[in-house]
Amino acid sequence: MSDTAPRSKAEIATEYVRERVLSGELRPGERVRISRIAAELDFSDIPVREGVKRLEAEGLLEFETHKGAVVTTLHPHDIEEMFAIRGELEALAVMRASRSINRDQLDHLRELLEEMEQAEQDGRLEDYGELNREFHFAIYEAQPYKRLLALIRDYWNSTDWCRRIFAGDVHSVRASAAEHRGIYEALLAGDGERAADLLRQQKRRAGAWLLEHADPEEAQTWSRSRRRRGASS
């Protein structure tokens, strides 16, 4: 018997709308019509409205007067800010993980790293993107700060559209694979500072690459809505 609890309709609606945003099916600035989503899912409006509120809290959607919920648009400054913040949060998580990660967790990281390298060699870039997330969270979940993990997860969920853009560039994926190897080897050696520095470098490179290659009208994030709620920039 599975221990996985059944998902609520609100959770199903949240994932359904999230995937439509991350895939690009729902474009930046496009209105999210609750009644249409409800009809597609054969739900009432209530769980869909709750799902939309969750995605507004994540920042994938924002509220506009006379339009309601729309897909949020990301601008170059927001990309720079986002990766700077992610770099520091994730570097802290890597540093903390270096003090508590155990042999089984390191073995799991090595297995993921090998799967990633094979996916990169085979050109399975979509699989690589999924393994990339699994690799990072295997590290972040090895550290003790639950609030830090929740913040990082929020940022990843809000910016998963990046994976779709990065997956189209073989050179970026190859650079990413080398960076992951370095982070793993630093953790294996118990060198948290080295692992954290490599993580920051990875985020800086990713942010610079995205600024050069991303179409601003394809990017969605929480940044504008967060700034409106008082976040510093």
Protein backbone atom coordinates (compact mmCIF):
# COMPACT_ATOMS: atom_id res chain seq x y z
CA MET A 1 0.00 0.00 0.00
CA SER A 2 1.32 3.44 -0.91
CA ASP A 3 1.97 5.93 1.89
CA THR A 4 1.33 8.81 -0.49
CA ALA A 5 -1.78 10.76 0.51
CA PRO A 6 -4.28 11.48 -2.28
CA ARG A 7 -3.97 14.97 -3.69
CA SER A 8 -6.72 17.49 -3.13
CA LYS A 9 -8.47 19.16 -6.04
CA ALA A 10 -6.71 22.41 -5.15
CA GLU A 11 -3.32 20.67 -5.38
CA ILE A 12 -4.25 19.15 -8.74
CA ALA A 13 -5.38 22.55 -10.01
CA THR A 14 -2.17 24.18 -8.76
CA GLU A 15 0.03 21.68 -10.61
CA TYR A 16 -2.13 21.87 -13.74
CA VAL A 17 -1.84 25.65 -14.00
CA ARG A 18 1.84 25.62 -12.98
CA GLU A 19 2.72 23.21 -15.79
CA ARG A 20 0.85 25.34 -18.33
CA VAL A 21 2.84 28.37 -17.22
CA LEU A 22 6.22 26.62 -17.11
CA SER A 23 5.67 24.99 -20.49
CA GLY A 24 4.93 28.38 -22.06
CA GLU A 25 1.36 27.44 -22.95
CA LEU A 26 0.22 30.33 -20.76
CA ARG A 27 2.26 33.36 -21.77
CA PRO A 28 3.52 36.30 -19.67
CA GLY A 29 0.72 38.83 -19.22
CA GLU A 30 -1.94 36.32 -20.24
CA ARG A 31 -5.03 36.12 -18.07
CA VAL A 32 -5.68 32.87 -16.22
CA ARG A 33 -9.40 32.22 -16.60
CA ILE A 34 -10.55 30.28 -13.58
CA SER A 35 -13.84 29.08 -15.08
CA ARG A 36 -12.06 27.72 -18.16
CA ILE A 37 -9.48 25.85 -16.07
CA ALA A 38 -12.28 24.47 -13.88
CA ALA A 39 -14.13 23.20 -16.95
CA GLU A 40 -10.97 21.54 -18.31
CA LEU A 41 -10.49 19.73 -15.00
CA ASP A 42 -14.20 19.10 -14.46
CA PHE A 43 -13.92 20.89 -11.11
CA SER A 44 -15.90 23.70 -9.54
CA ASP A 45 -14.28 27.15 -9.52
CA ILE A 46 -13.41 26.93 -5.80
CA PRO A 47 -10.35 24.58 -5.90
CA VAL A 48 -9.05 26.30 -9.04
CA ARG A 49 -9.32 29.69 -7.34
CA GLU A 50 -7.36 28.29 -4.40
CA GLY A 51 -4.72 26.92 -6.75
CA VAL A 52 -4.41 30.30 -8.45
CA LYS A 53 -3.92 31.97 -5.06
CA ARG A 54 -1.10 29.53 -4.29
CA LEU A 55 0.63 30.37 -7.56
CA GLU A 56 0.20 34.09 -6.85
CA ALA A 57 1.95 33.48 -3.52
CA GLU A 58 4.77 31.69 -5.38
CA GLY A 59 4.95 34.57 -7.85
CA LEU A 60 4.19 32.70 -11.07
CA LEU A 61 0.96 34.67 -11.25
CA GLU A 62 0.10 38.18 -10.16
CA PHE A 63 -3.13 40.13 -9.77
CA GLU A 64 -3.96 42.99 -12.13
CA THR A 65 -6.94 45.31 -11.74
CA HIS A 66 -9.76 44.54 -14.19
CA LYS A 67 -7.97 41.39 -15.37
CA GLY A 68 -7.53 39.22 -12.29
CA ALA A 69 -4.72 36.67 -12.21
CA VAL A 70 -2.18 36.93 -15.04
CA VAL A 71 1.15 35.24 -15.73
CA THR A 72 4.00 37.32 -14.31
CA THR A 73 6.67 38.78 -16.60
CA LEU A 74 10.37 38.81 -15.76
CA HIS A 75 12.76 41.60 -16.79
CA PRO A 76 16.59 41.63 -16.99
CA HIS A 77 17.03 43.29 -13.60
CA ASP A 78 14.81 40.61 -12.08
CA ILE A 79 16.94 37.83 -13.57
CA GLU A 80 20.09 39.36 -12.09
CA GLU A 81 18.45 39.80 -8.69
CA MET A 82 16.92 36.34 -8.69
CA PHE A 83 20.18 34.51 -9.37
CA ALA A 84 22.09 36.64 -6.85
CA ILE A 85 19.60 35.70 -4.13
CA ARG A 86 19.45 32.06 -5.18
CA GLY A 87 23.23 31.87 -5.17
CA GLU A 88 23.47 33.02 -1.55
CA LEU A 89 20.58 30.89 -0.27
CA GLU A 90 21.80 27.75 -2.00
CA ALA A 91 25.43 28.37 -1.04
CA LEU A 92 24.34 28.54 2.60
CA ALA A 93 22.45 25.27 2.21
CA VAL A 94 25.49 23.59 0.63
CA MET A 95 27.71 24.86 3.43
CA ARG A 96 25.37 23.52 6.10
CA ALA A 97 24.94 20.23 4.25
CA SER A 98 28.70 19.72 4.18
CA ARG A 99 28.61 19.41 7.99
CA SER A 100 25.84 16.83 8.18
CA ILE A 101 25.73 14.86 4.92
CA ASN A 102 26.32 11.13 5.45
CA ARG A 103 27.83 8.35 3.36
CA ASP A 104 24.51 7.09 2.04
CA GLN A 105 23.56 10.59 0.92
CA LEU A 106 26.94 11.06 -0.76
CA ASP A 107 26.52 7.73 -2.53
CA HIS A 108 23.10 8.86 -3.76
CA LEU A 109 24.64 12.10 -5.06
CA ARG A 110 27.29 10.11 -6.93
CA GLU A 111 24.60 7.95 -8.54
CA LEU A 112 22.63 11.03 -9.59
CA LEU A 113 25.79 12.63 -10.94
CA GLU A 114 26.52 9.55 -13.05
CA GLU A 115 22.94 9.55 -14.38
CA MET A 116 23.24 13.25 -15.23
CA GLU A 117 26.52 12.76 -17.05
CA GLN A 118 25.02 9.89 -19.04
CA ALA A 119 21.95 11.97 -19.91
CA GLU A 120 24.23 14.80 -21.05
CA GLN A 121 26.26 12.42 -23.23
CA ASP A 122 23.10 10.91 -24.74
CA GLY A 123 21.60 14.33 -25.45
CA ARG A 124 18.62 13.65 -23.16
CA LEU A 125 18.51 17.24 -22.00
CA GLU A 126 15.01 17.12 -20.55
CA ASP A 127 16.03 14.16 -18.38
CA TYR A 128 19.16 16.09 -17.42
CA GLY A 129 17.06 19.00 -16.20
CA GLU A 130 14.98 16.77 -13.95
CA LEU A 131 18.07 15.05 -12.57
CA ASN A 132 19.67 18.45 -12.00
CA ARG A 133 16.86 19.45 -9.67
CA GLU A 134 17.00 16.08 -7.89
CA PHE A 135 20.77 16.44 -7.42
CA HIS A 136 20.52 19.89 -5.87
CA PHE A 137 17.70 19.01 -3.52
CA ALA A 138 19.47 15.85 -2.42
CA ILE A 139 22.09 18.27 -1.06
CA TYR A 140 19.70 20.88 0.35
CA GLU A 141 17.64 18.23 2.12
CA ALA A 142 20.81 16.99 3.84
CA GLN A 143 21.06 20.24 5.84
CA PRO A 144 18.99 21.02 8.95
CA TYR A 145 17.40 24.42 8.20
CA LYS A 146 13.78 23.78 7.24
CA ARG A 147 12.95 27.42 6.55
CA LEU A 148 15.97 27.69 4.27
CA LEU A 149 14.85 24.60 2.38
CA ALA A 150 11.34 26.04 2.02
CA LEU A 151 12.72 29.32 0.64
CA ILE A 152 14.91 27.50 -1.88
CA ARG A 153 12.02 25.29 -2.95
CA ASP A 154 9.85 28.38 -3.44
CA TYR A 155 12.48 29.99 -5.67
CA TRP A 156 12.94 26.81 -7.72
CA ASN A 157 9.19 26.39 -8.21
CA SER A 158 8.91 30.03 -9.26
CA THR A 159 11.79 29.83 -11.75
CA ASP A 160 11.52 26.36 -13.20
CA TRP A 161 10.90 27.95 -16.59
CA CYS A 162 14.71 28.41 -16.72
CA ARG A 163 15.12 24.66 -17.15
CA ARG A 164 13.17 24.80 -20.39
CA ILE A 165 15.48 27.50 -21.77
CA PHE A 166 18.75 25.95 -20.57
CA ALA A 167 17.75 22.56 -21.98
CA GLY A 168 18.07 23.93 -25.49
CA ASP A 169 21.79 24.69 -25.15
CA VAL A 170 24.22 21.77 -25.14
CA HIS A 171 27.23 23.91 -24.12
CA SER A 172 25.40 25.26 -21.07
CA VAL A 173 24.43 21.75 -20.01
CA ARG A 174 28.04 20.56 -20.44
CA ALA A 175 29.29 23.42 -18.23
CA SER A 176 26.61 22.56 -15.69
CA ALA A 177 27.73 18.92 -15.58
CA ALA A 178 31.31 19.95 -14.78
CA GLU A 179 30.07 22.27 -12.02
CA HIS A 180 28.06 19.50 -10.41
CA ARG A 181 31.07 17.20 -10.44
CA GLY A 182 33.07 19.88 -8.63
CA ILE A 183 30.38 20.43 -6.00
CA TYR A 184 30.12 16.70 -5.35
CA GLU A 185 33.89 16.29 -5.01
CA ALA A 186 34.07 19.23 -2.59
CA LEU A 187 31.33 17.69 -0.43
CA LEU A 188 33.07 14.33 -0.58
CA ALA A 189 36.21 16.02 0.76
CA GLY A 190 34.22 17.80 3.47
CA ASP A 191 35.12 21.20 1.99
CA GLY A 192 31.92 23.20 2.49
CA GLU A 193 33.50 26.53 1.56
CA ARG A 194 34.69 25.16 -1.77
CA ALA A 195 31.29 23.63 -2.49
CA ALA A 196 29.55 26.91 -1.63
CA ASP A 197 31.92 28.91 -3.84
CA LEU A 198 31.27 26.56 -6.75
CA LEU A 199 27.53 26.88 -6.21
CA ARG A 200 27.75 30.68 -6.32
CA GLN A 201 29.83 30.50 -9.49
CA GLN A 202 27.23 28.22 -11.04
CA LYS A 203 24.41 30.66 -10.30
CA ARG A 204 26.43 33.61 -11.61
CA ARG A 205 27.14 31.75 -14.83
CA ALA A 206 23.53 30.66 -15.19
CA GLY A 207 22.25 34.19 -14.59
CA ALA A 208 24.67 35.69 -17.11
CA TRP A 209 23.77 33.04 -19.68
CA LEU A 210 20.07 33.63 -19.19
CA LEU A 211 20.45 37.40 -19.53
CA GLU A 212 22.13 36.81 -22.87
CA HIS A 213 19.79 34.15 -24.24
CA ALA A 214 16.34 34.42 -22.66
CA ASP A 215 13.50 36.15 -24.44
CA PRO A 216 12.09 38.43 -21.71
CA GLU A 217 8.57 37.67 -22.92
CA GLU A 218 9.11 33.96 -22.22
CA ALA A 219 10.25 34.43 -18.63
CA GLN A 220 7.93 34.18 -15.67
CA THR A 221 8.80 34.75 -12.02
CA TRP A 222 7.68 36.14 -8.70
CA SER A 223 10.02 39.14 -8.74
CA ARG A 224 7.69 42.00 -9.64
CA SER A 225 4.99 40.88 -7.29
CA ARG A 226 7.52 40.35 -4.50
CA ARG A 227 8.90 43.88 -4.96
CA ARG A 228 5.38 45.24 -4.75
CA ARG A 229 5.02 43.49 -1.41
CA GLY A 230 8.11 45.28 -0.12
CA ALA A 231 11.08 43.05 -1.02
CA SER A 232 14.30 45.01 -1.48
CA SER A 233 16.01 45.02 -4.85
